[in-house]
């Protein structure tokens, strides 16, 4: 992506370093954009995107920074909890 190898797990690890983020999933959408899906920590729904975005700017190259951000109450789980 953007001429660089992107490791979604590496981006997710950086985003979840923020105390405002309980969970993160990073995917590339059909338009080729990096999208970060976040589950905020309790009480951090209003600030999780701003804090995760700031963390991404500090720790990731511009090619690895998500272009779009989505906040979810929870991530979907399989019946087995995965």
N, C-alpha and C. Protein backbone atom coordinates (compact mmCIF):
# COMPACT_ATOMS: atom_id res chain seq x y z
N UNK A 1 0.85 -1.17 0.00
CA UNK A 1 0.00 0.00 0.00
C UNK A 1 0.89 1.23 0.00
N UNK A 2 0.58 2.16 -0.88
CA UNK A 2 1.39 3.38 -1.00
C UNK A 2 2.87 3.05 -1.19
N UNK A 3 3.13 1.92 -1.83
CA UNK A 3 4.50 1.52 -2.09
C UNK A 3 5.22 0.89 -0.92
N UNK A 4 4.52 0.66 0.17
CA UNK A 4 5.14 0.07 1.36
C UNK A 4 4.33 -1.13 1.83
N UNK A 5 5.04 -2.05 2.46
CA UNK A 5 4.38 -3.21 3.06
C UNK A 5 3.71 -2.75 4.36
N UNK A 6 2.44 -3.06 4.50
CA UNK A 6 1.68 -2.69 5.68
C UNK A 6 1.36 -3.95 6.47
N UNK A 7 1.69 -3.93 7.74
CA UNK A 7 1.36 -5.03 8.65
C UNK A 7 0.22 -4.55 9.56
N UNK A 8 -1.02 -4.95 9.28
CA UNK A 8 -2.14 -4.48 10.11
C UNK A 8 -1.93 -4.74 11.60
N UNK A 9 -1.35 -5.88 11.95
CA UNK A 9 -1.12 -6.20 13.36
C UNK A 9 -0.19 -5.20 14.04
N UNK A 10 0.79 -4.71 13.30
CA UNK A 10 1.70 -3.71 13.86
C UNK A 10 0.96 -2.39 14.12
N UNK A 11 0.11 -1.99 13.18
CA UNK A 11 -0.68 -0.77 13.35
C UNK A 11 -1.63 -0.94 14.53
N UNK A 12 -2.29 -2.09 14.62
CA UNK A 12 -3.22 -2.36 15.73
C UNK A 12 -2.50 -2.29 17.08
N UNK A 13 -1.31 -2.83 17.16
CA UNK A 13 -0.54 -2.81 18.41
C UNK A 13 -0.24 -1.38 18.85
N UNK A 14 0.11 -0.54 17.91
CA UNK A 14 0.40 0.87 18.24
C UNK A 14 -0.87 1.57 18.71
N UNK A 15 -1.98 1.34 18.02
CA UNK A 15 -3.24 2.01 18.39
C UNK A 15 -3.72 1.59 19.77
N UNK A 16 -3.53 0.33 20.12
CA UNK A 16 -4.02 -0.13 21.42
C UNK A 16 -3.08 0.25 22.57
N UNK A 17 -1.95 0.88 22.26
CA UNK A 17 -1.10 1.40 23.33
C UNK A 17 -1.77 2.56 24.06
N UNK A 18 -2.70 3.22 23.38
CA UNK A 18 -3.43 4.32 23.99
C UNK A 18 -4.39 3.77 25.03
N UNK A 19 -4.44 4.40 26.19
CA UNK A 19 -5.36 3.99 27.25
C UNK A 19 -6.82 4.16 26.85
N UNK A 20 -7.07 4.94 25.81
CA UNK A 20 -8.44 5.20 25.37
C UNK A 20 -8.97 4.11 24.45
N UNK A 21 -8.10 3.19 24.01
CA UNK A 21 -8.50 2.16 23.05
C UNK A 21 -8.41 0.78 23.69
N UNK A 22 -9.54 0.09 23.73
CA UNK A 22 -9.58 -1.27 24.29
C UNK A 22 -9.29 -2.31 23.22
N UNK A 23 -9.68 -2.02 21.98
CA UNK A 23 -9.44 -2.96 20.89
C UNK A 23 -9.31 -2.23 19.57
N UNK A 24 -8.52 -2.80 18.66
CA UNK A 24 -8.34 -2.19 17.34
C UNK A 24 -8.24 -3.28 16.29
N UNK A 25 -8.83 -3.01 15.14
CA UNK A 25 -8.71 -3.89 13.97
C UNK A 25 -8.45 -2.98 12.78
N UNK A 26 -7.42 -3.28 12.03
CA UNK A 26 -7.04 -2.45 10.88
C UNK A 26 -7.21 -3.28 9.62
N UNK A 27 -7.91 -2.71 8.63
CA UNK A 27 -8.15 -3.39 7.36
C UNK A 27 -7.93 -2.40 6.21
N UNK A 28 -7.79 -2.96 5.02
CA UNK A 28 -7.73 -2.14 3.81
C UNK A 28 -9.07 -2.29 3.11
N UNK A 29 -9.74 -1.16 2.86
CA UNK A 29 -11.07 -1.24 2.24
C UNK A 29 -10.96 -1.41 0.73
N UNK A 30 -12.10 -1.50 0.05
CA UNK A 30 -12.13 -1.73 -1.39
C UNK A 30 -11.52 -0.60 -2.19
N UNK A 31 -11.43 0.58 -1.61
CA UNK A 31 -10.82 1.73 -2.28
C UNK A 31 -9.32 1.82 -2.01
N UNK A 32 -8.78 0.85 -1.27
CA UNK A 32 -7.35 0.83 -0.98
C UNK A 32 -6.93 1.72 0.16
N UNK A 33 -7.87 2.09 1.01
CA UNK A 33 -7.56 2.95 2.17
C UNK A 33 -7.40 2.10 3.42
N UNK A 34 -6.50 2.55 4.28
CA UNK A 34 -6.30 1.88 5.57
C UNK A 34 -7.36 2.40 6.54
N UNK A 35 -8.14 1.48 7.10
CA UNK A 35 -9.24 1.84 7.99
C UNK A 35 -9.00 1.22 9.36
N UNK A 36 -9.08 2.06 10.40
CA UNK A 36 -8.92 1.59 11.78
C UNK A 36 -10.30 1.51 12.42
N UNK A 37 -10.64 0.33 12.91
CA UNK A 37 -11.87 0.11 13.65
C UNK A 37 -11.48 0.01 15.12
N UNK A 38 -12.06 0.85 15.95
CA UNK A 38 -11.68 0.93 17.36
C UNK A 38 -12.84 0.61 18.28
N UNK A 39 -12.51 -0.03 19.40
CA UNK A 39 -13.44 -0.20 20.52
C UNK A 39 -12.85 0.63 21.65
N UNK A 40 -13.55 1.69 22.06
CA UNK A 40 -12.99 2.56 23.10
C UNK A 40 -12.99 1.91 24.48
N UNK A 41 -12.06 2.34 25.30
CA UNK A 41 -12.06 1.94 26.70
C UNK A 41 -13.26 2.60 27.38
N UNK A 42 -13.72 2.05 28.49
CA UNK A 42 -14.86 2.66 29.19
C UNK A 42 -14.60 4.14 29.48
N UNK A 43 -15.57 4.96 29.11
CA UNK A 43 -15.48 6.40 29.35
C UNK A 43 -14.64 7.16 28.35
N UNK A 44 -14.13 6.50 27.31
CA UNK A 44 -13.24 7.18 26.36
C UNK A 44 -13.82 7.26 24.95
N UNK A 45 -15.11 7.04 24.80
CA UNK A 45 -15.73 7.04 23.47
C UNK A 45 -15.52 8.36 22.74
N UNK A 46 -15.55 9.47 23.46
CA UNK A 46 -15.42 10.78 22.84
C UNK A 46 -13.99 11.11 22.43
N UNK A 47 -13.01 10.47 23.03
CA UNK A 47 -11.62 10.84 22.79
C UNK A 47 -10.78 9.76 22.13
N UNK A 48 -11.32 8.57 21.93
CA UNK A 48 -10.48 7.45 21.48
C UNK A 48 -9.89 7.70 20.09
N UNK A 49 -10.65 8.25 19.15
CA UNK A 49 -10.11 8.49 17.81
C UNK A 49 -9.01 9.55 17.86
N UNK A 50 -9.23 10.62 18.58
CA UNK A 50 -8.22 11.68 18.66
C UNK A 50 -6.94 11.16 19.29
N UNK A 51 -7.06 10.40 20.36
CA UNK A 51 -5.86 9.89 21.04
C UNK A 51 -5.16 8.81 20.21
N UNK A 52 -5.92 7.93 19.57
CA UNK A 52 -5.31 6.89 18.73
C UNK A 52 -4.65 7.51 17.50
N UNK A 53 -5.29 8.52 16.94
CA UNK A 53 -4.71 9.21 15.79
C UNK A 53 -3.41 9.90 16.16
N UNK A 54 -3.38 10.52 17.31
CA UNK A 54 -2.15 11.18 17.78
C UNK A 54 -1.05 10.14 17.99
N UNK A 55 -1.39 8.99 18.55
CA UNK A 55 -0.42 7.92 18.75
C UNK A 55 0.11 7.44 17.40
N UNK A 56 -0.78 7.29 16.41
CA UNK A 56 -0.37 6.84 15.08
C UNK A 56 0.60 7.84 14.45
N UNK A 57 0.33 9.13 14.58
CA UNK A 57 1.23 10.15 14.02
C UNK A 57 2.59 10.13 14.69
N UNK A 58 2.63 9.83 15.99
CA UNK A 58 3.90 9.78 16.72
C UNK A 58 4.73 8.56 16.36
N UNK A 59 4.09 7.41 16.17
CA UNK A 59 4.81 6.14 16.11
C UNK A 59 4.85 5.46 14.74
N UNK A 60 4.02 5.89 13.80
CA UNK A 60 3.94 5.20 12.51
C UNK A 60 4.35 6.11 11.36
N UNK A 61 4.88 5.51 10.30
CA UNK A 61 5.16 6.28 9.10
C UNK A 61 3.84 6.75 8.51
N UNK A 62 3.89 7.74 7.66
CA UNK A 62 2.65 8.27 7.07
C UNK A 62 1.92 7.20 6.27
N UNK A 63 2.64 6.28 5.64
CA UNK A 63 2.00 5.22 4.86
C UNK A 63 1.23 4.24 5.73
N UNK A 64 1.60 4.14 7.01
CA UNK A 64 0.94 3.19 7.92
C UNK A 64 -0.15 3.83 8.76
N UNK A 65 -0.40 5.12 8.57
CA UNK A 65 -1.42 5.80 9.36
C UNK A 65 -2.80 5.62 8.71
N UNK A 66 -3.78 5.18 9.48
CA UNK A 66 -5.12 5.00 8.91
C UNK A 66 -5.68 6.30 8.33
N UNK A 67 -6.42 6.13 7.24
CA UNK A 67 -7.09 7.27 6.62
C UNK A 67 -8.50 7.45 7.17
N UNK A 68 -9.12 6.36 7.54
CA UNK A 68 -10.49 6.40 8.06
C UNK A 68 -10.52 5.75 9.43
N UNK A 69 -11.44 6.24 10.26
CA UNK A 69 -11.57 5.74 11.64
C UNK A 69 -13.02 5.42 11.89
N UNK A 70 -13.27 4.29 12.54
CA UNK A 70 -14.63 3.90 12.92
C UNK A 70 -14.61 3.44 14.37
N UNK A 71 -15.63 3.83 15.11
CA UNK A 71 -15.73 3.46 16.53
C UNK A 71 -16.91 2.51 16.69
N UNK A 72 -16.69 1.43 17.41
CA UNK A 72 -17.70 0.40 17.64
C UNK A 72 -17.83 0.14 19.14
N UNK A 73 -19.03 -0.24 19.56
CA UNK A 73 -19.23 -0.61 20.96
C UNK A 73 -18.45 -1.89 21.27
N UNK A 74 -18.52 -2.85 20.38
CA UNK A 74 -17.82 -4.14 20.50
C UNK A 74 -17.52 -4.63 19.09
N UNK A 75 -16.56 -5.54 18.97
CA UNK A 75 -16.33 -6.21 17.70
C UNK A 75 -17.21 -7.44 17.66
N UNK A 76 -17.67 -7.83 16.47
CA UNK A 76 -18.44 -9.07 16.37
C UNK A 76 -17.59 -10.27 16.78
N UNK A 77 -18.21 -11.23 17.39
CA UNK A 77 -17.52 -12.45 17.83
C UNK A 77 -18.22 -13.67 17.28
N UNK A 78 -17.44 -14.70 17.09
CA UNK A 78 -18.02 -15.98 16.70
C UNK A 78 -18.67 -16.61 17.93
N UNK A 79 -19.48 -17.64 17.77
CA UNK A 79 -20.05 -18.30 18.95
C UNK A 79 -18.98 -18.80 19.93
N UNK A 80 -17.79 -19.08 19.42
CA UNK A 80 -16.70 -19.54 20.27
C UNK A 80 -15.95 -18.40 20.96
N UNK A 81 -16.36 -17.14 20.68
CA UNK A 81 -15.73 -16.00 21.34
C UNK A 81 -14.53 -15.42 20.63
N UNK A 82 -14.26 -15.88 19.43
CA UNK A 82 -13.11 -15.37 18.68
C UNK A 82 -13.49 -14.21 17.81
